[in-house]
């Protein structure tokens, strides 16, 4: 009769592992490893901020060189 209880316990454990497999694999599987590696790489990144007048001047020059359309061109029925 002891073997019956052991087999029932083994079946219960198998059902529990099957039911919880998606959650277990997300914590211990390849996806979790990729997530941890990505977090590690992201923690080593540094945000560079450059408030350069040179960049602003270049943008102003580029904007000044853009072609301008006249209001009259926009209002013409096409």
Protein backbone atom coordinates (compact mmCIF):
# COMPACT_ATOMS: atom_id res chain seq x y z
CA UNK A 1 0.00 0.00 0.00
CA UNK A 2 3.02 2.32 0.50
CA UNK A 3 3.84 2.27 -3.21
CA UNK A 4 0.35 3.65 -3.96
CA UNK A 5 0.94 6.72 -1.81
CA UNK A 6 4.37 7.27 -3.32
CA UNK A 7 2.95 7.09 -6.85
CA UNK A 8 0.10 9.49 -5.94
CA UNK A 9 2.64 11.91 -4.45
CA UNK A 10 4.77 11.66 -7.61
CA UNK A 11 1.71 12.37 -9.77
CA UNK A 12 0.80 15.37 -7.63
CA UNK A 13 4.35 16.75 -7.96
CA UNK A 14 4.24 16.18 -11.73
CA UNK A 15 0.92 18.05 -12.01
CA UNK A 16 2.27 20.93 -9.92
CA UNK A 17 5.46 21.23 -11.99
CA UNK A 18 3.43 21.11 -15.22
CA UNK A 19 1.06 23.82 -13.99
CA UNK A 20 3.87 26.11 -12.81
CA UNK A 21 6.27 25.48 -15.72
CA UNK A 22 5.70 28.80 -17.56
CA UNK A 23 6.48 30.79 -14.41
CA UNK A 24 9.47 28.59 -13.53
CA UNK A 25 10.95 28.78 -17.02
CA UNK A 26 10.61 32.58 -17.12
CA UNK A 27 12.73 32.80 -13.98
CA UNK A 28 15.34 30.19 -14.80
CA UNK A 29 15.29 29.73 -18.58
CA UNK A 30 17.05 31.35 -21.49
CA UNK A 31 14.67 34.30 -21.47
CA UNK A 32 15.63 35.15 -17.90
CA UNK A 33 19.29 34.86 -18.77
CA UNK A 34 18.87 37.23 -21.73
CA UNK A 35 16.95 39.66 -19.54
CA UNK A 36 19.70 39.64 -16.89
CA UNK A 37 22.45 40.09 -19.51
CA UNK A 38 20.56 42.99 -21.09
CA UNK A 39 20.06 44.64 -17.70
CA UNK A 40 23.78 44.23 -16.99
CA UNK A 41 24.71 45.82 -20.34
CA UNK A 42 22.23 48.67 -19.83
CA UNK A 43 23.64 49.44 -16.39
CA UNK A 44 27.05 50.05 -17.97
CA UNK A 45 25.75 52.57 -20.50
CA UNK A 46 26.34 56.26 -19.91
CA UNK A 47 24.20 59.09 -21.18
CA UNK A 48 26.28 61.76 -22.87
CA UNK A 49 24.90 65.26 -22.89
CA UNK A 50 26.52 67.83 -25.05
CA UNK A 51 25.08 71.31 -25.00
CA UNK A 52 27.29 72.69 -27.66
CA UNK A 53 26.78 76.05 -29.32
CA UNK A 54 28.45 74.56 -32.36
CA UNK A 55 25.59 72.09 -32.86
CA UNK A 56 23.00 74.83 -32.45
CA UNK A 57 24.79 77.00 -35.00
CA UNK A 58 24.89 74.10 -37.48
CA UNK A 59 21.15 73.54 -37.08
CA UNK A 60 20.46 77.24 -37.58
CA UNK A 61 22.58 77.23 -40.76
CA UNK A 62 20.73 74.19 -42.10
CA UNK A 63 17.35 75.76 -41.37
CA UNK A 64 18.37 78.97 -43.07
CA UNK A 65 19.30 77.04 -46.23
CA UNK A 66 15.95 75.25 -46.54
CA UNK A 67 13.76 76.40 -49.45
CA UNK A 68 10.78 78.53 -48.49
CA UNK A 69 7.43 78.38 -50.27
CA UNK A 70 5.31 81.45 -50.67
CA UNK A 71 1.85 81.64 -49.11
CA UNK A 72 0.48 82.24 -52.58
CA UNK A 73 1.74 78.81 -53.73
CA UNK A 74 -0.08 77.04 -50.91
CA UNK A 75 -3.46 78.70 -51.56
CA UNK A 76 -3.64 77.83 -55.25
CA UNK A 77 -6.27 75.18 -55.99
CA UNK A 78 -4.56 72.12 -57.28
